[in-house]
Amino acid sequence: MDKKYLQLNDINAYKIAFHLSNYVWNIVIKWDYFAKKTVGDQFVRAMDSISANIAEGFGRYHKQDKIHFYRYSCGSIKESLDWNEKAKVRQLLKLEEYNFIFCELQKLPRELNGLIKFTSDKLAI
């Protein structure tokens, strides 16, 4: 029997974050120049950072390095929540867009904490 190795796309937190970052991109790309330059750039960077840090952590060898990058993702979630609120208040998002982003971001801390616990408990080094 072949041993199956965990792949990046097997990680639910990564899949949620990756799809959510593209969802936000597809909204922000349609904004006017000023909104894109001020809120949009930061919003997209924060959203992209969630999945990018999960990917970088996944690629690290030592579990403490992995966990370090997974924790960066936690900070990016909080930042993304802030930009989501600002985009709503500044009327850059439709209510259904805001709600979808908010709900997806709410799933990620639990997913990331599970990934951190799995990494801490299951990896030898």
N, C-alpha and C. Protein backbone atom coordinates (compact mmCIF):
# COMPACT_ATOMS: atom_id res chain seq x y z
N MET A 1 0.84 -1.18 0.00
CA MET A 1 0.00 0.00 0.00
C MET A 1 0.89 1.25 0.00
N ASP A 2 0.58 2.18 -0.87
CA ASP A 2 1.34 3.42 -0.93
C ASP A 2 0.93 4.34 0.20
N LYS A 3 1.93 4.97 0.78
CA LYS A 3 1.67 5.93 1.84
C LYS A 3 1.28 7.27 1.21
N LYS A 4 0.19 7.85 1.67
CA LYS A 4 -0.25 9.14 1.14
C LYS A 4 0.33 10.25 1.99
N TYR A 5 0.97 11.18 1.34
CA TYR A 5 1.53 12.33 2.05
C TYR A 5 0.56 13.49 1.97
N LEU A 6 0.51 14.24 3.04
CA LEU A 6 -0.34 15.43 3.10
C LEU A 6 0.14 16.45 2.07
N GLN A 7 -0.79 16.95 1.29
CA GLN A 7 -0.50 17.98 0.29
C GLN A 7 -1.11 19.30 0.76
N LEU A 8 -0.58 20.39 0.26
CA LEU A 8 -1.08 21.71 0.63
C LEU A 8 -2.58 21.83 0.39
N ASN A 9 -3.05 21.33 -0.74
CA ASN A 9 -4.48 21.42 -1.06
C ASN A 9 -5.36 20.49 -0.23
N ASP A 10 -4.75 19.68 0.64
CA ASP A 10 -5.50 18.86 1.59
C ASP A 10 -5.86 19.66 2.84
N ILE A 11 -5.24 20.79 3.02
CA ILE A 11 -5.44 21.60 4.23
C ILE A 11 -6.63 22.53 4.03
N ASN A 12 -7.65 22.31 4.83
CA ASN A 12 -8.90 23.07 4.67
C ASN A 12 -8.69 24.57 4.86
N ALA A 13 -7.87 24.95 5.82
CA ALA A 13 -7.61 26.38 6.05
C ALA A 13 -7.01 27.01 4.80
N TYR A 14 -6.12 26.31 4.15
CA TYR A 14 -5.50 26.82 2.92
C TYR A 14 -6.55 26.98 1.82
N LYS A 15 -7.39 25.97 1.64
CA LYS A 15 -8.41 26.02 0.58
C LYS A 15 -9.37 27.19 0.80
N ILE A 16 -9.84 27.36 2.03
CA ILE A 16 -10.75 28.46 2.34
C ILE A 16 -10.07 29.80 2.06
N ALA A 17 -8.86 29.96 2.58
CA ALA A 17 -8.14 31.23 2.44
C ALA A 17 -7.81 31.53 0.98
N PHE A 18 -7.40 30.53 0.24
CA PHE A 18 -7.05 30.72 -1.17
C PHE A 18 -8.27 31.19 -1.97
N HIS A 19 -9.39 30.50 -1.80
CA HIS A 19 -10.60 30.87 -2.54
C HIS A 19 -11.13 32.24 -2.10
N LEU A 20 -11.04 32.51 -0.82
CA LEU A 20 -11.51 33.80 -0.31
C LEU A 20 -10.66 34.95 -0.84
N SER A 21 -9.36 34.75 -0.94
CA SER A 21 -8.50 35.82 -1.45
C SER A 21 -8.85 36.14 -2.91
N ASN A 22 -9.17 35.12 -3.69
CA ASN A 22 -9.57 35.36 -5.08
C ASN A 22 -10.95 35.99 -5.17
N TYR A 23 -11.82 35.65 -4.24
CA TYR A 23 -13.15 36.28 -4.18
C TYR A 23 -12.99 37.79 -3.94
N VAL A 24 -12.16 38.14 -2.97
CA VAL A 24 -11.93 39.56 -2.65
C VAL A 24 -11.26 40.25 -3.84
N TRP A 25 -10.29 39.61 -4.45
CA TRP A 25 -9.62 40.18 -5.63
C TRP A 25 -10.64 40.55 -6.71
N ASN A 26 -11.56 39.62 -6.98
CA ASN A 26 -12.55 39.86 -8.04
C ASN A 26 -13.51 40.99 -7.72
N ILE A 27 -13.67 41.32 -6.47
CA ILE A 27 -14.48 42.48 -6.07
C ILE A 27 -13.65 43.75 -6.19
N VAL A 28 -12.48 43.74 -5.58
CA VAL A 28 -11.64 44.94 -5.50
C VAL A 28 -11.19 45.42 -6.88
N ILE A 29 -10.95 44.51 -7.79
CA ILE A 29 -10.45 44.87 -9.12
C ILE A 29 -11.42 45.80 -9.86
N LYS A 30 -12.68 45.80 -9.46
CA LYS A 30 -13.71 46.62 -10.10
C LYS A 30 -13.89 48.00 -9.45
N TRP A 31 -13.22 48.23 -8.32
CA TRP A 31 -13.37 49.50 -7.63
C TRP A 31 -12.66 50.62 -8.41
N ASP A 32 -13.03 51.86 -8.07
CA ASP A 32 -12.34 53.00 -8.71
C ASP A 32 -10.91 53.12 -8.17
N TYR A 33 -10.13 53.94 -8.83
CA TYR A 33 -8.70 54.04 -8.52
C TYR A 33 -8.43 54.38 -7.06
N PHE A 34 -9.12 55.39 -6.52
CA PHE A 34 -8.86 55.81 -5.14
C PHE A 34 -9.18 54.68 -4.15
N ALA A 35 -10.32 54.03 -4.32
CA ALA A 35 -10.70 52.93 -3.42
C ALA A 35 -9.71 51.77 -3.52
N LYS A 36 -9.27 51.47 -4.74
CA LYS A 36 -8.28 50.40 -4.92
C LYS A 36 -6.96 50.75 -4.26
N LYS A 37 -6.54 52.00 -4.45
CA LYS A 37 -5.23 52.44 -3.96
C LYS A 37 -5.18 52.49 -2.43
N THR A 38 -6.28 52.86 -1.81
CA THR A 38 -6.29 53.03 -0.35
C THR A 38 -6.72 51.75 0.37
N VAL A 39 -7.94 51.35 0.21
CA VAL A 39 -8.48 50.19 0.92
C VAL A 39 -8.17 48.89 0.17
N GLY A 40 -8.38 48.89 -1.13
CA GLY A 40 -8.27 47.67 -1.92
C GLY A 40 -6.91 47.00 -1.85
N ASP A 41 -5.85 47.79 -2.00
CA ASP A 41 -4.50 47.24 -1.97
C ASP A 41 -4.23 46.53 -0.64
N GLN A 42 -4.58 47.18 0.45
CA GLN A 42 -4.33 46.60 1.77
C GLN A 42 -5.22 45.38 2.03
N PHE A 43 -6.47 45.47 1.58
CA PHE A 43 -7.42 44.38 1.77
C PHE A 43 -6.93 43.13 1.03
N VAL A 44 -6.55 43.29 -0.23
CA VAL A 44 -6.07 42.16 -1.02
C VAL A 44 -4.78 41.60 -0.43
N ARG A 45 -3.86 42.46 -0.01
CA ARG A 45 -2.60 41.99 0.57
C ARG A 45 -2.85 41.18 1.85
N ALA A 46 -3.75 41.67 2.70
CA ALA A 46 -4.07 40.96 3.93
C ALA A 46 -4.69 39.60 3.63
N MET A 47 -5.63 39.58 2.68
CA MET A 47 -6.29 38.32 2.32
C MET A 47 -5.29 37.35 1.70
N ASP A 48 -4.44 37.84 0.79
CA ASP A 48 -3.44 36.98 0.15
C ASP A 48 -2.46 36.41 1.17
N SER A 49 -2.18 37.19 2.19
CA SER A 49 -1.20 36.80 3.20
C SER A 49 -1.65 35.58 4.01
N ILE A 50 -2.95 35.40 4.15
CA ILE A 50 -3.44 34.25 4.93
C ILE A 50 -2.99 32.94 4.26
N SER A 51 -3.37 32.75 3.01
CA SER A 51 -3.01 31.49 2.34
C SER A 51 -1.52 31.42 2.04
N ALA A 52 -0.88 32.56 1.76
CA ALA A 52 0.55 32.56 1.46
C ALA A 52 1.37 32.10 2.67
N ASN A 53 0.99 32.53 3.85
CA ASN A 53 1.72 32.11 5.05
C ASN A 53 1.45 30.65 5.41
N ILE A 54 0.25 30.18 5.12
CA ILE A 54 -0.02 28.74 5.32
C ILE A 54 0.87 27.95 4.36
N ALA A 55 0.94 28.39 3.11
CA ALA A 55 1.78 27.69 2.12
C ALA A 55 3.25 27.73 2.53
N GLU A 56 3.72 28.89 2.98
CA GLU A 56 5.12 28.99 3.38
C GLU A 56 5.41 28.10 4.59
N GLY A 57 4.52 28.12 5.56
CA GLY A 57 4.69 27.24 6.72
C GLY A 57 4.69 25.78 6.33
N PHE A 58 3.79 25.42 5.43
CA PHE A 58 3.70 24.03 4.97
C PHE A 58 5.02 23.57 4.34
N GLY A 59 5.68 24.50 3.69
CA GLY A 59 6.94 24.17 3.02
C GLY A 59 8.16 24.13 3.92
N ARG A 60 8.02 24.55 5.14
CA ARG A 60 9.15 24.53 6.08
C ARG A 60 9.36 23.13 6.64
N TYR A 61 10.59 22.86 7.07
CA TYR A 61 10.95 21.51 7.52
C TYR A 61 10.63 21.29 9.00
N HIS A 62 11.02 22.22 9.85
CA HIS A 62 10.83 22.05 11.29
C HIS A 62 9.46 22.53 11.73
N LYS A 63 8.88 21.79 12.68
CA LYS A 63 7.52 22.13 13.09
C LYS A 63 7.41 23.53 13.69
N GLN A 64 8.42 24.01 14.39
CA GLN A 64 8.34 25.35 14.96
C GLN A 64 8.33 26.42 13.86
N ASP A 65 9.08 26.18 12.78
CA ASP A 65 9.03 27.08 11.63
C ASP A 65 7.64 27.07 11.00
N LYS A 66 7.07 25.88 10.86
CA LYS A 66 5.73 25.76 10.30
C LYS A 66 4.73 26.56 11.14
N ILE A 67 4.76 26.32 12.44
CA ILE A 67 3.81 26.97 13.35
C ILE A 67 3.99 28.48 13.33
N HIS A 68 5.21 28.93 13.23
CA HIS A 68 5.50 30.37 13.17
C HIS A 68 4.72 31.02 12.01
N PHE A 69 4.77 30.42 10.84
CA PHE A 69 4.07 30.98 9.68
C PHE A 69 2.56 30.80 9.79
N TYR A 70 2.11 29.72 10.39
CA TYR A 70 0.67 29.55 10.60
C TYR A 70 0.14 30.64 11.52
N ARG A 71 0.95 31.05 12.49
CA ARG A 71 0.53 32.12 13.40
C ARG A 71 0.50 33.47 12.69
N TYR A 72 1.41 33.68 11.73
CA TYR A 72 1.32 34.90 10.90
C TYR A 72 -0.03 34.96 10.20
N SER A 73 -0.51 33.81 9.74
CA SER A 73 -1.82 33.76 9.09
C SER A 73 -2.92 34.22 10.02
N CYS A 74 -2.80 33.88 11.30
CA CYS A 74 -3.81 34.32 12.29
C CYS A 74 -3.87 35.85 12.35
N GLY A 75 -2.71 36.50 12.33
CA GLY A 75 -2.67 37.96 12.32
C GLY A 75 -3.29 38.52 11.06
N SER A 76 -3.06 37.87 9.94
CA SER A 76 -3.63 38.34 8.67
C SER A 76 -5.15 38.19 8.65
N ILE A 77 -5.67 37.21 9.36
CA ILE A 77 -7.12 37.06 9.47
C ILE A 77 -7.71 38.28 10.17
N LYS A 78 -7.10 38.67 11.28
CA LYS A 78 -7.58 39.85 12.02
C LYS A 78 -7.49 41.10 11.16
N GLU A 79 -6.39 41.24 10.43
CA GLU A 79 -6.25 42.40 9.56
C GLU A 79 -7.32 42.39 8.46
N SER A 80 -7.59 41.23 7.90
CA SER A 80 -8.61 41.10 6.86
C SER A 80 -10.00 41.45 7.39
N LEU A 81 -10.28 41.03 8.63
CA LEU A 81 -11.55 41.41 9.24
C LEU A 81 -11.68 42.93 9.36
N ASP A 82 -10.58 43.59 9.71
CA ASP A 82 -10.57 45.05 9.81
C ASP A 82 -10.85 45.69 8.45
N TRP A 83 -10.18 45.24 7.41
CA TRP A 83 -10.39 45.81 6.08
C TRP A 83 -11.80 45.51 5.57
N ASN A 84 -12.34 44.35 5.92
CA ASN A 84 -13.70 44.01 5.53
C ASN A 84 -14.69 45.00 6.16
N GLU A 85 -14.47 45.30 7.44
CA GLU A 85 -15.33 46.28 8.12
C GLU A 85 -15.22 47.67 7.47
N LYS A 86 -13.98 48.09 7.20
CA LYS A 86 -13.78 49.41 6.57
C LYS A 86 -14.45 49.46 5.20
N ALA A 87 -14.31 48.39 4.43
CA ALA A 87 -14.92 48.36 3.10
C ALA A 87 -16.45 48.43 3.19
N LYS A 88 -17.01 47.81 4.23
CA LYS A 88 -18.47 47.88 4.42
C LYS A 88 -18.89 49.29 4.81
N VAL A 89 -18.22 49.86 5.80
CA VAL A 89 -18.56 51.20 6.29
C VAL A 89 -18.42 52.25 5.18
N ARG A 90 -17.42 52.06 4.33
CA ARG A 90 -17.17 53.01 3.24
C ARG A 90 -17.97 52.68 1.99
N GLN A 91 -18.90 51.74 2.13
CA GLN A 91 -19.84 51.36 1.09
C GLN A 91 -19.16 50.87 -0.19
N LEU A 92 -18.08 50.13 0.00
CA LEU A 92 -17.37 49.54 -1.13
C LEU A 92 -17.81 48.11 -1.40
N LEU A 93 -18.45 47.50 -0.41
CA LEU A 93 -18.94 46.12 -0.54
C LEU A 93 -20.46 46.09 -0.47
N LYS A 94 -21.05 45.19 -1.23
CA LYS A 94 -22.47 44.89 -1.06
C LYS A 94 -22.60 44.10 0.24
N LEU A 95 -23.75 44.19 0.86
CA LEU A 95 -23.96 43.50 2.14
C LEU A 95 -23.70 42.00 2.02
N GLU A 96 -24.13 41.38 0.92
CA GLU A 96 -23.92 39.93 0.77
C GLU A 96 -22.44 39.60 0.59
N GLU A 97 -21.68 40.49 -0.05
CA GLU A 97 -20.23 40.29 -0.17
C GLU A 97 -19.57 40.39 1.20
N TYR A 98 -19.91 41.43 1.93
CA TYR A 98 -19.38 41.61 3.28
C TYR A 98 -19.67 40.38 4.14
N ASN A 99 -20.93 39.93 4.13
CA ASN A 99 -21.34 38.79 4.96
C ASN A 99 -20.60 37.51 4.57
N PHE A 100 -20.44 37.28 3.27
CA PHE A 100 -19.73 36.08 2.83
C PHE A 100 -18.28 36.11 3.31
N ILE A 101 -17.61 37.24 3.11
CA ILE A 101 -16.21 37.38 3.54
C ILE A 101 -16.11 37.20 5.05
N PHE A 102 -16.99 37.86 5.78
CA PHE A 102 -16.98 37.77 7.24
C PHE A 102 -17.16 36.32 7.70
N CYS A 103 -18.12 35.62 7.14
CA CYS A 103 -18.39 34.23 7.54
C CYS A 103 -17.22 33.31 7.22
N GLU A 104 -16.62 33.49 6.05
CA GLU A 104 -15.47 32.66 5.68
C GLU A 104 -14.28 32.95 6.60
N LEU A 105 -14.04 34.22 6.90
CA LEU A 105 -12.94 34.57 7.81
C LEU A 105 -13.17 33.99 9.20
N GLN A 106 -14.42 33.90 9.63
CA GLN A 106 -14.74 33.35 10.94
C GLN A 106 -14.40 31.87 11.05
N LYS A 107 -14.38 31.15 9.93
CA LYS A 107 -14.05 29.72 9.93
C LYS A 107 -12.55 29.48 10.14
N LEU A 108 -11.74 30.45 9.73
CA LEU A 108 -10.30 30.22 9.64
C LEU A 108 -9.56 30.06 10.97
N PRO A 109 -9.87 30.81 12.03
CA PRO A 109 -9.12 30.60 13.28
C PRO A 109 -9.20 29.16 13.80
N ARG A 110 -10.38 28.57 13.75
CA ARG A 110 -10.55 27.19 14.21
C ARG A 110 -9.74 26.24 13.32
N GLU A 111 -9.82 26.46 12.01
CA GLU A 111 -9.05 25.62 11.07
C GLU A 111 -7.55 25.75 11.32
N LEU A 112 -7.09 26.98 11.50
CA LEU A 112 -5.65 27.21 11.72
C LEU A 112 -5.20 26.65 13.06
N ASN A 113 -6.01 26.82 14.09
CA ASN A 113 -5.65 26.25 15.40
C ASN A 113 -5.57 24.73 15.32
N GLY A 114 -6.46 24.12 14.55
CA GLY A 114 -6.38 22.68 14.34
C GLY A 114 -5.11 22.28 13.61
N LEU A 115 -4.73 23.07 12.62
CA LEU A 115 -3.50 22.81 11.88
C LEU A 115 -2.27 22.96 12.78
N ILE A 116 -2.28 23.99 13.61
CA ILE A 116 -1.17 24.20 14.56
C ILE A 116 -1.08 23.04 15.54
N LYS A 117 -2.22 22.62 16.07
CA LYS A 117 -2.24 21.50 17.02
C LYS A 117 -1.76 20.21 16.35
N PHE A 118 -2.26 19.95 15.14
CA PHE A 118 -1.84 18.76 14.40
C PHE A 118 -0.32 18.78 14.18
N THR A 119 0.19 19.93 13.75
CA THR A 119 1.62 20.07 13.48
C THR A 119 2.43 19.85 14.75
N SER A 120 1.97 20.44 15.84
CA SER A 120 2.67 20.33 17.13
C SER A 120 2.65 18.90 17.65
N ASP A 121 1.51 18.24 17.53
CA ASP A 121 1.34 16.89 18.10
C ASP A 121 1.93 15.78 17.24
N LYS A 122 1.82 15.90 15.94
CA LYS A 122 2.14 14.78 15.05
C LYS A 122 3.54 14.79 14.45
N LEU A 123 4.15 15.98 14.35
CA LEU A 123 5.48 16.03 13.73
C LEU A 123 6.57 15.83 14.78
N ALA A 124 7.59 15.08 14.42
CA ALA A 124 8.66 14.76 15.36
C ALA A 124 9.59 15.96 15.59
N ILE A 125 9.92 16.67 14.53
CA ILE A 125 10.89 17.78 14.68
C ILE A 125 10.31 19.08 14.17
